[in-house]
């Protein structure tokens, strides 16, 4: 059974940091490009970042560029999203997902992603 399980969300003060993890089971993560999306209350799901399978090409939404870092550890079959300088507008449910392309991952088009995690809540508030 193919499964993605996120963890690492929580409540953090503005300016703080969190690292989200997404563990894959039932398949090998290194066969896929990977992405992170988020959905705030009352808003559509939006792309945050992605990393391509073959060349580790990465892309970030302008709103998180310079603050968030996507990475993968194929040995652990896990992907990560390091989030620094968190702001209240980063509050959302964060989802990991996998895309079946070798190059040029799509950081913004959720419809290109085949499998999704269940989401983890990130709340940024003082």
PDB file of N, CA and C in Angstrom:
ATOM      1  N   UNK A   1       0.849  -1.186   0.000  1.00  0.00           N
ATOM      2  CA  UNK A   1       0.000   0.000   0.000  1.00  0.00           C
ATOM      3  C   UNK A   1       0.888   1.240   0.000  1.00  0.00           C
ATOM      4  N   UNK A   2       0.701   2.086  -1.016  1.00  0.00           N
ATOM      5  CA  UNK A   2       1.472   3.304  -1.116  1.00  0.00           C
ATOM      6  C   UNK A   2       0.948   4.326  -0.109  1.00  0.00           C
ATOM      7  N   UNK A   3       1.863   4.884   0.652  1.00  0.00           N
ATOM      8  CA  UNK A   3       1.436   5.814   1.687  1.00  0.00           C
ATOM      9  C   UNK A   3       2.484   6.882   1.917  1.00  0.00           C
ATOM     10  N   UNK A   4       2.013   8.100   2.170  1.00  0.00           N
ATOM     11  CA  UNK A   4       2.856   9.215   2.578  1.00  0.00           C
ATOM     12  C   UNK A   4       2.310   9.725   3.904  1.00  0.00           C
ATOM     13  N   UNK A   5       3.188   9.879   4.884  1.00  0.00           N
ATOM     14  CA  UNK A   5       2.752  10.321   6.201  1.00  0.00           C
ATOM     15  C   UNK A   5       3.581  11.514   6.629  1.00  0.00           C
ATOM     16  N   UNK A   6       2.898  12.651   6.802  1.00  0.00           N
ATOM     17  CA  UNK A   6       3.584  13.867   7.246  1.00  0.00           C
ATOM     18  C   UNK A   6       3.657  13.922   8.767  1.00  0.00           C
ATOM     19  N   UNK A   7       4.645  14.643   9.247  1.00  0.00           N
ATOM     20  CA  UNK A   7       4.775  14.922  10.673  1.00  0.00           C
ATOM     21  C   UNK A   7       5.580  16.202  10.833  1.00  0.00           C
ATOM     22  N   UNK A   8       5.577  16.727  12.061  1.00  0.00           N
ATOM     23  CA  UNK A   8       6.401  17.898  12.343  1.00  0.00           C
ATOM     24  C   UNK A   8       5.653  19.207  12.434  1.00  0.00           C
ATOM     25  N   UNK A   9       4.362  19.198  12.153  1.00  0.00           N
ATOM     26  CA  UNK A   9       3.597  20.424  12.269  1.00  0.00           C
ATOM     27  C   UNK A   9       3.383  20.806  13.724  1.00  0.00           C
ATOM     28  N   UNK A  10       2.820  21.990  13.917  1.00  0.00           N
ATOM     29  CA  UNK A  10       2.557  22.437  15.275  1.00  0.00           C
ATOM     30  C   UNK A  10       2.330  23.930  15.337  1.00  0.00           C
ATOM     31  N   UNK A  11       2.371  24.439  16.559  1.00  0.00           N
ATOM     32  CA  UNK A  11       2.185  25.868  16.823  1.00  0.00           C
ATOM     33  C   UNK A  11       3.551  26.503  17.054  1.00  0.00           C
ATOM     34  N   UNK A  12       3.814  27.587  16.367  1.00  0.00           N
ATOM     35  CA  UNK A  12       5.093  28.263  16.499  1.00  0.00           C
ATOM     36  C   UNK A  12       4.856  29.774  16.465  1.00  0.00           C
ATOM     37  N   UNK A  13       5.707  30.501  17.148  1.00  0.00           N
ATOM     38  CA  UNK A  13       5.597  31.959  17.154  1.00  0.00           C
ATOM     39  C   UNK A  13       6.160  32.546  15.868  1.00  0.00           C
ATOM     40  N   UNK A  14       5.702  33.735  15.489  1.00  0.00           N
ATOM     41  CA  UNK A  14       6.282  34.396  14.311  1.00  0.00           C
ATOM     42  C   UNK A  14       7.796  34.503  14.431  1.00  0.00           C
ATOM     43  N   UNK A  15       8.456  34.206  13.319  1.00  0.00           N
ATOM     44  CA  UNK A  15       9.909  34.183  13.297  1.00  0.00           C
ATOM     45  C   UNK A  15      10.515  32.835  13.637  1.00  0.00           C
ATOM     46  N   UNK A  16       9.710  31.917  14.072  1.00  0.00           N
ATOM     47  CA  UNK A  16      10.194  30.604  14.462  1.00  0.00           C
ATOM     48  C   UNK A  16      10.387  29.664  13.281  1.00  0.00           C
ATOM     49  N   UNK A  17      10.774  28.431  13.608  1.00  0.00           N
ATOM     50  CA  UNK A  17      11.086  27.431  12.592  1.00  0.00           C
ATOM     51  C   UNK A  17      10.389  26.115  12.893  1.00  0.00           C
ATOM     52  N   UNK A  18      10.134  25.383  11.855  1.00  0.00           N
ATOM     53  CA  UNK A  18       9.639  24.010  11.945  1.00  0.00           C
ATOM     54  C   UNK A  18      10.252  23.222  10.801  1.00  0.00           C
ATOM     55  N   UNK A  19      10.394  21.927  11.015  1.00  0.00           N
ATOM     56  CA  UNK A  19      10.792  21.039   9.932  1.00  0.00           C
ATOM     57  C   UNK A  19       9.715  19.981   9.762  1.00  0.00           C
ATOM     58  N   UNK A  20       9.112  19.968   8.604  1.00  0.00           N
ATOM     59  CA  UNK A  20       8.119  18.958   8.274  1.00  0.00           C
ATOM     60  C   UNK A  20       8.818  17.759   7.642  1.00  0.00           C
ATOM     61  N   UNK A  21       8.338  16.590   7.983  1.00  0.00           N
ATOM     62  CA  UNK A  21       8.838  15.348   7.394  1.00  0.00           C
ATOM     63  C   UNK A  21       7.691  14.648   6.688  1.00  0.00           C
ATOM     64  N   UNK A  22       8.051  13.886   5.687  1.00  0.00           N
ATOM     65  CA  UNK A  22       7.057  13.093   4.954  1.00  0.00           C
ATOM     66  C   UNK A  22       7.695  11.754   4.631  1.00  0.00           C
ATOM     67  N   UNK A  23       7.252  10.739   5.327  1.00  0.00           N
ATOM     68  CA  UNK A  23       7.816   9.398   5.162  1.00  0.00           C
ATOM     69  C   UNK A  23       6.984   8.593   4.181  1.00  0.00           C
ATOM     70  N   UNK A  24       7.656   7.971   3.238  1.00  0.00           N
ATOM     71  CA  UNK A  24       6.985   7.148   2.239  1.00  0.00           C
ATOM     72  C   UNK A  24       7.063   5.682   2.630  1.00  0.00           C
ATOM     73  N   UNK A  25       6.012   4.953   2.338  1.00  0.00           N
ATOM     74  CA  UNK A  25       6.016   3.504   2.540  1.00  0.00           C
ATOM     75  C   UNK A  25       5.280   2.847   1.388  1.00  0.00           C
ATOM     76  N   UNK A  26       5.708   1.647   1.070  1.00  0.00           N
ATOM     77  CA  UNK A  26       5.089   0.922  -0.033  1.00  0.00           C
ATOM     78  C   UNK A  26       5.664   1.257  -1.391  1.00  0.00           C
ATOM     79  N   UNK A  27       6.595   2.213  -1.433  1.00  0.00           N
ATOM     80  CA  UNK A  27       7.272   2.559  -2.674  1.00  0.00           C
ATOM     81  C   UNK A  27       8.544   3.309  -2.316  1.00  0.00           C
ATOM     82  N   UNK A  28       9.425   3.454  -3.300  1.00  0.00           N
ATOM     83  CA  UNK A  28      10.680   4.161  -3.053  1.00  0.00           C
ATOM     84  C   UNK A  28      10.561   5.590  -3.544  1.00  0.00           C
ATOM     85  N   UNK A  29      10.855   6.507  -2.640  1.00  0.00           N
ATOM     86  CA  UNK A  29      10.693   7.921  -2.930  1.00  0.00           C
ATOM     87  C   UNK A  29      11.629   8.404  -4.025  1.00  0.00           C
ATOM     88  N   UNK A  30      12.772   7.732  -4.201  1.00  0.00           N
ATOM     89  CA  UNK A  30      13.751   8.209  -5.189  1.00  0.00           C
ATOM     90  C   UNK A  30      13.300   7.959  -6.620  1.00  0.00           C
ATOM     91  N   UNK A  31      12.171   7.302  -6.796  1.00  0.00           N
ATOM     92  CA  UNK A  31      11.612   7.092  -8.132  1.00  0.00           C
ATOM     93  C   UNK A  31      10.663   8.209  -8.559  1.00  0.00           C
ATOM     94  N   UNK A  32      10.517   9.196  -7.695  1.00  0.00           N
ATOM     95  CA  UNK A  32       9.532  10.254  -7.930  1.00  0.00           C
ATOM     96  C   UNK A  32      10.131  11.637  -7.697  1.00  0.00           C
ATOM     97  N   UNK A  33       9.571  12.601  -8.389  1.00  0.00           N
ATOM     98  CA  UNK A  33       9.774  13.990  -7.973  1.00  0.00           C
ATOM     99  C   UNK A  33       8.794  14.258  -6.835  1.00  0.00           C
ATOM    100  N   UNK A  34       9.157  15.192  -5.974  1.00  0.00           N
ATOM    101  CA  UNK A  34       8.351  15.398  -4.775  1.00  0.00           C
ATOM    102  C   UNK A  34       7.976  16.870  -4.627  1.00  0.00           C
ATOM    103  N   UNK A  35       6.890  17.109  -3.947  1.00  0.00           N
ATOM    104  CA  UNK A  35       6.448  18.482  -3.744  1.00  0.00           C
ATOM    105  C   UNK A  35       5.748  18.675  -2.419  1.00  0.00           C
ATOM    106  N   UNK A  36       5.686  19.931  -2.015  1.00  0.00           N
ATOM    107  CA  UNK A  36       4.932  20.333  -0.828  1.00  0.00           C
ATOM    108  C   UNK A  36       3.894  21.379  -1.257  1.00  0.00           C
ATOM    109  N   UNK A  37       2.692  21.221  -0.732  1.00  0.00           N
ATOM    110  CA  UNK A  37       1.604  22.154  -0.971  1.00  0.00           C
ATOM    111  C   UNK A  37       1.037  22.565   0.388  1.00  0.00           C
ATOM    112  N   UNK A  38       0.229  23.603   0.389  1.00  0.00           N
ATOM    113  CA  UNK A  38      -0.436  24.008   1.622  1.00  0.00           C
ATOM    114  C   UNK A  38      -1.809  24.574   1.314  1.00  0.00           C
ATOM    115  N   UNK A  39      -2.675  24.490   2.316  1.00  0.00           N
ATOM    116  CA  UNK A  39      -4.031  25.008   2.169  1.00  0.00           C
ATOM    117  C   UNK A  39      -4.428  25.726   3.442  1.00  0.00           C
ATOM    118  N   UNK A  40      -4.640  27.019   3.321  1.00  0.00           N
ATOM    119  CA  UNK A  40      -5.102  27.827   4.443  1.00  0.00           C
ATOM    120  C   UNK A  40      -6.626  27.800   4.494  1.00  0.00           C
ATOM    121  N   UNK A  41      -7.211  28.067   5.652  1.00  0.00           N
ATOM    122  CA  UNK A  41      -8.680  28.060   5.765  1.00  0.00           C
ATOM    123  C   UNK A  41      -9.324  28.999   4.763  1.00  0.00           C
ATOM    124  N   UNK A  42     -10.302  28.469   4.032  1.00  0.00           N
ATOM    125  CA  UNK A  42     -11.033  29.281   3.078  1.00  0.00           C
ATOM    126  C   UNK A  42     -10.305  29.576   1.784  1.00  0.00           C
ATOM    127  N   UNK A  43      -9.139  28.972   1.606  1.00  0.00           N
ATOM    128  CA  UNK A  43      -8.352  29.222   0.388  1.00  0.00           C
ATOM    129  C   UNK A  43      -8.092  27.928  -0.359  1.00  0.00           C
ATOM    130  N   UNK A  44      -7.716  28.079  -1.609  1.00  0.00           N
ATOM    131  CA  UNK A  44      -7.371  26.913  -2.409  1.00  0.00           C
ATOM    132  C   UNK A  44      -5.984  26.396  -2.023  1.00  0.00           C
ATOM    133  N   UNK A  45      -5.781  25.129  -2.301  1.00  0.00           N
ATOM    134  CA  UNK A  45      -4.463  24.553  -2.064  1.00  0.00           C
ATOM    135  C   UNK A  45      -3.464  25.198  -3.018  1.00  0.00           C
ATOM    136  N   UNK A  46      -2.299  25.536  -2.502  1.00  0.00           N
ATOM    137  CA  UNK A  46      -1.290  26.197  -3.321  1.00  0.00           C
ATOM    138  C   UNK A  46       0.043  25.485  -3.203  1.00  0.00           C
ATOM    139  N   UNK A  47       0.825  25.585  -4.266  1.00  0.00           N
ATOM    140  CA  UNK A  47       2.143  24.975  -4.263  1.00  0.00           C
ATOM    141  C   UNK A  47       3.124  25.771  -3.439  1.00  0.00           C
ATOM    142  N   UNK A  48       4.022  25.052  -2.799  1.00  0.00           N
ATOM    143  CA  UNK A  48       5.058  25.668  -1.979  1.00  0.00           C
ATOM    144  C   UNK A  48       6.431  25.443  -2.600  1.00  0.00           C
ATOM    145  N   UNK A  49       6.712  24.175  -2.922  1.00  0.00           N
ATOM    146  CA  UNK A  49       8.043  23.852  -3.421  1.00  0.00           C
ATOM    147  C   UNK A  49       8.031  22.464  -4.041  1.00  0.00           C
ATOM    148  N   UNK A  50       9.020  22.192  -4.874  1.00  0.00           N
ATOM    149  CA  UNK A  50       9.193  20.842  -5.400  1.00  0.00           C
ATOM    150  C   UNK A  50      10.670  20.587  -5.677  1.00  0.00           C
ATOM    151  N   UNK A  51      11.001  19.306  -5.788  1.00  0.00           N
ATOM    152  CA  UNK A  51      12.365  18.897  -6.126  1.00  0.00           C
ATOM    153  C   UNK A  51      12.275  17.736  -7.103  1.00  0.00           C
ATOM    154  N   UNK A  52      13.007  17.837  -8.202  1.00  0.00           N
ATOM    155  CA  UNK A  52      12.920  16.842  -9.262  1.00  0.00           C
ATOM    156  C   UNK A  52      13.757  15.610  -8.948  1.00  0.00           C
ATOM    157  N   UNK A  53      13.329  14.504  -9.517  1.00  0.00           N
ATOM    158  CA  UNK A  53      13.954  13.220  -9.209  1.00  0.00           C
ATOM    159  C   UNK A  53      15.390  13.119  -9.705  1.00  0.00           C
ATOM    160  N   UNK A  54      15.621  13.507 -10.973  1.00  0.00           N
ATOM    161  CA  UNK A  54      16.910  13.189 -11.584  1.00  0.00           C
ATOM    162  C   UNK A  54      18.022  14.168 -11.224  1.00  0.00           C
ATOM    163  N   UNK A  55      17.711  15.452 -11.196  1.00  0.00           N
ATOM    164  CA  UNK A  55      18.790  16.433 -11.051  1.00  0.00           C
ATOM    165  C   UNK A  55      18.630  17.300  -9.815  1.00  0.00           C
ATOM    166  N   UNK A  56      17.668  16.957  -8.973  1.00  0.00           N
ATOM    167  CA  UNK A  56      17.411  17.730  -7.750  1.00  0.00           C
ATOM    168  C   UNK A  56      17.137  19.209  -8.023  1.00  0.00           C
ATOM    169  N   UNK A  57      16.612  19.477  -9.195  1.00  0.00           N
ATOM    170  CA  UNK A  57      16.135  20.828  -9.502  1.00  0.00           C
ATOM    171  C   UNK A  57      15.065  21.188  -8.480  1.00  0.00           C
ATOM    172  N   UNK A  58      15.176  22.380  -7.896  1.00  0.00           N
ATOM    173  CA  UNK A  58      14.189  22.802  -6.909  1.00  0.00           C
ATOM    174  C   UNK A  58      13.518  24.096  -7.348  1.00  0.00           C
ATOM    175  N   UNK A  59      12.289  24.289  -6.889  1.00  0.00           N
ATOM    176  CA  UNK A  59      11.586  25.531  -7.153  1.00  0.00           C
ATOM    177  C   UNK A  59      10.743  25.878  -5.938  1.00  0.00           C
ATOM    178  N   UNK A  60      10.624  27.169  -5.706  1.00  0.00           N
ATOM    179  CA  UNK A  60       9.866  27.644  -4.556  1.00  0.00           C
ATOM    180  C   UNK A  60       8.876  28.722  -4.977  1.00  0.00           C
ATOM    181  N   UNK A  61       7.752  28.740  -4.323  1.00  0.00           N
ATOM    182  CA  UNK A  61       6.837  29.861  -4.477  1.00  0.00           C
ATOM    183  C   UNK A  61       7.530  31.131  -3.984  1.00  0.00           C
ATOM    184  N   UNK A  62       7.223  32.246  -4.604  1.00  0.00           N
ATOM    185  CA  UNK A  62       7.856  33.513  -4.213  1.00  0.00           C
ATOM    186  C   UNK A  62       7.629  33.821  -2.737  1.00  0.00           C
ATOM    187  N   UNK A  63       6.495  33.410  -2.219  1.00  0.00           N
ATOM    188  CA  UNK A  63       6.142  33.744  -0.841  1.00  0.00           C
ATOM    189  C   UNK A  63       7.018  33.040   0.188  1.00  0.00           C
ATOM    190  N   UNK A  64       7.707  31.970  -0.213  1.00  0.00           N
ATOM    191  CA  UNK A  64       8.530  31.225   0.746  1.00  0.00           C
ATOM    192  C   UNK A  64      10.008  31.216   0.366  1.00  0.00           C
ATOM    193  N   UNK A  65      10.333  31.753  -0.786  1.00  0.00           N
ATOM    194  CA  UNK A  65      11.716  31.736  -1.273  1.00  0.00           C
ATOM    195  C   UNK A  65      12.643  32.412  -0.267  1.00  0.00           C
ATOM    196  N   UNK A  66      13.730  31.740   0.029  1.00  0.00           N
ATOM    197  CA  UNK A  66      14.685  32.276   0.986  1.00  0.00           C
ATOM    198  C   UNK A  66      14.388  31.904   2.427  1.00  0.00           C
ATOM    199  N   UNK A  67      13.216  31.361   2.676  1.00  0.00           N
ATOM    200  CA  UNK A  67      12.834  30.966   4.041  1.00  0.00           C
ATOM    201  C   UNK A  67      12.648  29.468   4.180  1.00  0.00           C
ATOM    202  N   UNK A  68      12.149  28.825   3.124  1.00  0.00           N
ATOM    203  CA  UNK A  68      11.867  27.388   3.164  1.00  0.00           C
ATOM    204  C   UNK A  68      12.903  26.647   2.327  1.00  0.00           C
ATOM    205  N   UNK A  69      13.201  25.408   2.736  1.00  0.00           N
ATOM    206  CA  UNK A  69      14.116  24.565   1.984  1.00  0.00           C
ATOM    207  C   UNK A  69      13.537  23.162   1.889  1.00  0.00           C
ATOM    208  N   UNK A  70      13.418  22.676   0.665  1.00  0.00           N
ATOM    209  CA  UNK A  70      12.945  21.310   0.434  1.00  0.00           C
ATOM    210  C   UNK A  70      14.151  20.393   0.285  1.00  0.00           C
ATOM    211  N   UNK A  71      14.005  19.176   0.783  1.00  0.00           N
ATOM    212  CA  UNK A  71      15.104  18.214   0.652  1.00  0.00           C
ATOM    213  C   UNK A  71      14.538  16.809   0.707  1.00  0.00           C
ATOM    214  N   UNK A  72      15.405  15.862   0.392  1.00  0.00           N
ATOM    215  CA  UNK A  72      14.992  14.461   0.434  1.00  0.00           C
ATOM    216  C   UNK A  72      16.153  13.631   0.939  1.00  0.00           C
ATOM    217  N   UNK A  73      15.831  12.577   1.632  1.00  0.00           N
ATOM    218  CA  UNK A  73      16.820  11.603   2.092  1.00  0.00           C
ATOM    219  C   UNK A  73      16.354  10.255   1.569  1.00  0.00           C
ATOM    220  N   UNK A  74      16.916   9.850   0.452  1.00  0.00           N
ATOM    221  CA  UNK A  74      16.459   8.609  -0.175  1.00  0.00           C
ATOM    222  C   UNK A  74      16.754   7.392   0.692  1.00  0.00           C
ATOM    223  N   UNK A  75      17.810   7.451   1.462  1.00  0.00           N
ATOM    224  CA  UNK A  75      18.153   6.318   2.326  1.00  0.00           C
ATOM    225  C   UNK A  75      17.063   6.101   3.384  1.00  0.00           C
ATOM    226  N   UNK A  76      16.450   7.198   3.813  1.00  0.00           N
ATOM    227  CA  UNK A  76      15.386   7.108   4.813  1.00  0.00           C
ATOM    228  C   UNK A  76      14.000   7.096   4.172  1.00  0.00           C
ATOM    229  N   UNK A  77      13.973   7.215   2.846  1.00  0.00           N
ATOM    230  CA  UNK A  77      12.692   7.246   2.131  1.00  0.00           C
ATOM    231  C   UNK A  77      11.784   8.358   2.653  1.00  0.00           C
ATOM    232  N   UNK A  78      12.392   9.499   2.888  1.00  0.00           N
ATOM    233  CA  UNK A  78      11.703  10.610   3.544  1.00  0.00           C
ATOM    234  C   UNK A  78      12.052  11.921   2.850  1.00  0.00           C
ATOM    235  N   UNK A  79      11.083  12.812   2.795  1.00  0.00           N
ATOM    236  CA  UNK A  79      11.298  14.150   2.280  1.00  0.00           C
ATOM    237  C   UNK A  79      11.031  15.151   3.398  1.00  0.00           C
ATOM    238  N   UNK A  80      11.600  16.352   3.244  1.00  0.00           N
ATOM    239  CA  UNK A  80      11.522  17.339   4.306  1.00  0.00           C
ATOM    240  C   UNK A  80      11.180  18.713   3.743  1.00  0.00           C
ATOM    241  N   UNK A  81      10.631  19.532   4.619  1.00  0.00           N
ATOM    242  CA  UNK A  81      10.468  20.947   4.323  1.00  0.00           C
ATOM    243  C   UNK A  81      10.916  21.718   5.567  1.00  0.00           C
ATOM    244  N   UNK A  82      12.073  22.333   5.466  1.00  0.00           N
ATOM    245  CA  UNK A  82      12.570  23.169   6.551  1.00  0.00           C
ATOM    246  C   UNK A  82      11.984  24.567   6.379  1.00  0.00           C
ATOM    247  N   UNK A  83      11.313  25.046   7.407  1.00  0.00           N
ATOM    248  CA  UNK A  83      10.629  26.338   7.330  1.00  0.00           C
ATOM    249  C   UNK A  83      11.198  27.259   8.402  1.00  0.00           C
ATOM    250  N   UNK A  84      11.832  28.320   7.952  1.00  0.00           N
ATOM    251  CA  UNK A  84      12.398  29.326   8.854  1.00  0.00           C
ATOM    252  C   UNK A  84      11.670  30.650   8.668  1.00  0.00           C
ATOM    253  N   UNK A  85      11.795  31.513   9.630  1.00  0.00           N
ATOM    254  CA  UNK A  85      11.165  32.825   9.528  1.00  0.00           C
ATOM    255  C   UNK A  85       9.667  32.757   9.308  1.00  0.00           C
ATOM    256  N   UNK A  86       9.021  31.853  10.003  1.00  0.00           N
ATOM    257  CA  UNK A  86       7.580  31.643   9.792  1.00  0.00           C
ATOM    258  C   UNK A  86       6.780  32.872  10.172  1.00  0.00           C
ATOM    259  N   UNK A  87       5.747  33.120   9.397  1.00  0.00           N
ATOM    260  CA  UNK A  87       4.852  34.263   9.591  1.00  0.00           C
ATOM    261  C   UNK A  87       3.411  33.771   9.686  1.00  0.00           C
ATOM    262  N   UNK A  88       2.527  34.563  10.265  1.00  0.00           N
ATOM    263  CA  UNK A  88       1.122  34.136  10.385  1.00  0.00           C
ATOM    264  C   UNK A  88       0.501  33.719   9.049  1.00  0.00           C
ATOM    265  N   UNK A  89       0.923  34.322   7.961  1.00  0.00           N
ATOM    266  CA  UNK A  89       0.368  33.956   6.656  1.00  0.00           C
ATOM    267  C   UNK A  89       0.835  32.589   6.177  1.00  0.00           C
ATOM    268  N   UNK A  90       1.768  31.989   6.879  1.00  0.00           N
ATOM    269  CA  UNK A  90       2.187  30.619   6.561  1.00  0.00           C
ATOM    270  C   UNK A  90       1.287  29.577   7.218  1.00  0.00           C
ATOM    271  N   UNK A  91       0.366  30.018   8.043  1.00  0.00           N
ATOM    272  CA  UNK A  91      -0.555  29.099   8.707  1.00  0.00           C
ATOM    273  C   UNK A  91      -1.398  28.367   7.679  1.00  0.00           C
ATOM    274  N   UNK A  92      -1.365  27.037   7.743  1.00  0.00           N
ATOM    275  CA  UNK A  92      -2.062  26.210   6.759  1.00  0.00           C
ATOM    276  C   UNK A  92      -1.874  24.749   7.126  1.00  0.00           C
ATOM    277  N   UNK A  93      -2.624  23.908   6.436  1.00  0.00           N
ATOM    278  CA  UNK A  93      -2.331  22.472   6.449  1.00  0.00           C
ATOM    279  C   UNK A  93      -1.349  22.218   5.316  1.00  0.00           C
ATOM    280  N   UNK A  94      -0.263  21.562   5.632  1.00  0.00           N
ATOM    281  CA  UNK A  94       0.788  21.288   4.660  1.00  0.00           C
ATOM    282  C   UNK A  94       0.716  19.830   4.219  1.00  0.00           C
ATOM    283  N   UNK A  95       0.823  19.640   2.902  1.00  0.00           N
ATOM    284  CA  UNK A  95       0.724  18.317   2.308  1.00  0.00           C
ATOM    285  C   UNK A  95       1.981  18.005   1.496  1.00  0.00           C
ATOM    286  N   UNK A  96       2.435  16.766   1.575  1.00  0.00           N
ATOM    287  CA  UNK A  96       3.475  16.302   0.675  1.00  0.00           C
ATOM    288  C   UNK A  96       2.816  15.465  -0.425  1.00  0.00           C
ATOM    289  N   UNK A  97       3.493  15.389  -1.556  1.00  0.00           N
ATOM    290  CA  UNK A  97       2.943  14.657  -2.687  1.00  0.00           C
ATOM    291  C   UNK A  97       4.084  14.243  -3.610  1.00  0.00           C
ATOM    292  N   UNK A  98       3.797  13.289  -4.496  1.00  0.00           N
ATOM    293  CA  UNK A  98       4.804  12.802  -5.426  1.00  0.00           C
ATOM    294  C   UNK A  98       4.299  12.917  -6.856  1.00  0.00           C
ATOM    295  N   UNK A  99       5.239  13.231  -7.755  1.00  0.00           N
ATOM    296  CA  UNK A  99       4.929  13.436  -9.160  1.00  0.00           C
ATOM    297  C   UNK A  99       5.811  12.530 -10.007  1.00  0.00           C
ATOM    298  N   UNK A 100       5.221  11.902 -11.003  1.00  0.00           N
ATOM    299  CA  UNK A 100       5.945  10.935 -11.827  1.00  0.00           C
ATOM    300  C   UNK A 100       6.612  11.626 -13.015  1.00  0.00           C
ATOM    301  N   UNK A 101       7.599  12.456 -12.719  1.00  0.00           N
ATOM    302  CA  UNK A 101       8.437  13.067 -13.751  1.00  0.00           C
ATOM    303  C   UNK A 101       9.880  13.017 -13.271  1.00  0.00           C
ATOM    304  N   UNK A 102      10.795  12.992 -14.256  1.00  0.00           N
ATOM    305  CA  UNK A 102      12.202  12.918 -13.895  1.00  0.00           C
ATOM    306  C   UNK A 102      12.832  14.303 -13.719  1.00  0.00           C
ATOM    307  N   UNK A 103      12.384  15.242 -14.544  1.00  0.00           N
ATOM    308  CA  UNK A 103      12.942  16.595 -14.530  1.00  0.00           C
ATOM    309  C   UNK A 103      11.821  17.621 -14.435  1.00  0.00           C
ATOM    310  N   UNK A 104      12.191  18.823 -14.078  1.00  0.00           N
ATOM    311  CA  UNK A 104      11.271  19.971 -14.096  1.00  0.00           C
ATOM    312  C   UNK A 104       9.973  19.680 -13.362  1.00  0.00           C
ATOM    313  N   UNK A 105      10.087  19.406 -12.095  1.00  0.00           N
ATOM    314  CA  UNK A 105       8.897  19.189 -11.275  1.00  0.00           C
ATOM    315  C   UNK A 105       7.986  20.409 -11.342  1.00  0.00           C
ATOM    316  N   UNK A 106       6.711  20.166 -11.159  1.00  0.00           N
ATOM    317  CA  UNK A 106       5.735  21.251 -11.152  1.00  0.00           C
ATOM    318  C   UNK A 106       5.465  21.649  -9.713  1.00  0.00           C
ATOM    319  N   UNK A 107       5.905  22.850  -9.337  1.00  0.00           N
ATOM    320  CA  UNK A 107       5.736  23.264  -7.944  1.00  0.00           C
ATOM    321  C   UNK A 107       4.345  23.813  -7.675  1.00  0.00           C
ATOM    322  N   UNK A 108       3.552  24.077  -8.715  1.00  0.00           N
ATOM    323  CA  UNK A 108       2.298  24.798  -8.518  1.00  0.00           C
ATOM    324  C   UNK A 108       1.054  24.010  -8.917  1.00  0.00           C
ATOM    325  N   UNK A 109       1.195  22.966  -9.752  1.00  0.00           N
ATOM    326  CA  UNK A 109       0.033  22.266 -10.304  1.00  0.00           C
ATOM    327  C   UNK A 109      -0.218  20.976  -9.537  1.00  0.00           C
ATOM    328  N   UNK A 110      -1.141  21.031  -8.613  1.00  0.00           N
ATOM    329  CA  UNK A 110      -1.416  19.880  -7.781  1.00  0.00           C
ATOM    330  C   UNK A 110      -1.971  18.705  -8.569  1.00  0.00           C
ATOM    331  N   UNK A 111      -2.557  18.961  -9.713  1.00  0.00           N
ATOM    332  CA  UNK A 111      -3.168  17.888 -10.503  1.00  0.00           C
ATOM    333  C   UNK A 111      -2.135  16.966 -11.134  1.00  0.00           C
ATOM    334  N   UNK A 112      -0.889  17.377 -11.133  1.00  0.00           N
ATOM    335  CA  UNK A 112       0.163  16.531 -11.685  1.00  0.00           C
ATOM    336  C   UNK A 112       0.739  15.568 -10.652  1.00  0.00           C
ATOM    337  N   UNK A 113       0.238  15.633  -9.453  1.00  0.00           N
ATOM    338  CA  UNK A 113       0.761  14.782  -8.384  1.00  0.00           C
ATOM    339  C   UNK A 113      -0.159  13.589  -8.167  1.00  0.00           C
ATOM    340  N   UNK A 114       0.475  12.421  -8.034  1.00  0.00           N
ATOM    341  CA  UNK A 114      -0.290  11.173  -8.021  1.00  0.00           C
ATOM    342  C   UNK A 114      -0.730  10.741  -6.622  1.00  0.00           C
ATOM    343  N   UNK A 115       0.151  10.907  -5.653  1.00  0.00           N
ATOM    344  CA  UNK A 115      -0.142  10.439  -4.302  1.00  0.00           C
ATOM    345  C   UNK A 115       0.126  11.563  -3.309  1.00  0.00           C
ATOM    346  N   UNK A 116      -0.712  11.570  -2.254  1.00  0.00           N
ATOM    347  CA  UNK A 116      -0.686  12.656  -1.280  1.00  0.00           C
ATOM    348  C   UNK A 116      -0.653  12.109   0.140  1.00  0.00           C
ATOM    349  N   UNK A 117      -0.031  12.888   1.011  1.00  0.00           N
ATOM    350  CA  UNK A 117      -0.146  12.602   2.429  1.00  0.00           C
ATOM    351  C   UNK A 117      -1.439  13.180   2.974  1.00  0.00           C
ATOM    352  N   UNK A 118      -1.670  12.948   4.263  1.00  0.00           N
ATOM    353  CA  UNK A 118      -2.927  13.354   4.888  1.00  0.00           C
ATOM    354  C   UNK A 118      -2.899  14.790   5.374  1.00  0.00           C
ATOM    355  N   UNK A 119      -1.706  15.386   5.421  1.00  0.00           N
ATOM    356  CA  UNK A 119      -1.579  16.772   5.838  1.00  0.00           C
ATOM    357  C   UNK A 119      -1.174  16.916   7.292  1.00  0.00           C
ATOM    358  N   UNK A 120      -0.467  17.997   7.573  1.00  0.00           N
ATOM    359  CA  UNK A 120      -0.087  18.325   8.947  1.00  0.00           C
ATOM    360  C   UNK A 120      -0.312  19.824   9.148  1.00  0.00           C
ATOM    361  N   UNK A 121      -0.890  20.168  10.287  1.00  0.00           N
ATOM    362  CA  UNK A 121      -1.265  21.557  10.559  1.00  0.00           C
ATOM    363  C   UNK A 121      -0.048  22.351  11.042  1.00  0.00           C
ATOM    364  N   UNK A 122       0.146  23.506  10.441  1.00  0.00           N
ATOM    365  CA  UNK A 122       1.143  24.473  10.896  1.00  0.00           C
ATOM    366  C   UNK A 122       0.412  25.758  11.254  1.00  0.00           C
ATOM    367  N   UNK A 123       0.584  26.186  12.483  1.00  0.00           N
ATOM    368  CA  UNK A 123      -0.050  27.408  12.951  1.00  0.00           C
ATOM    369  C   UNK A 123       1.022  28.366  13.462  1.00  0.00           C
ATOM    370  N   UNK A 124       1.039  29.566  12.914  1.00  0.00           N
ATOM    371  CA  UNK A 124       2.018  30.579  13.315  1.00  0.00           C
ATOM    372  C   UNK A 124       1.257  31.709  14.011  1.00  0.00           C
ATOM    373  N   UNK A 125       1.484  31.826  15.294  1.00  0.00           N
ATOM    374  CA  UNK A 125       0.732  32.797  16.071  1.00  0.00           C
ATOM    375  C   UNK A 125       1.486  33.124  17.348  1.00  0.00           C
ATOM    376  N   UNK A 126       1.326  34.359  17.795  1.00  0.00           N
ATOM    377  CA  UNK A 126       1.926  34.762  19.067  1.00  0.00           C
ATOM    378  C   UNK A 126       0.928  34.585  20.203  1.00  0.00           C
TER     379      UNK A 126
END
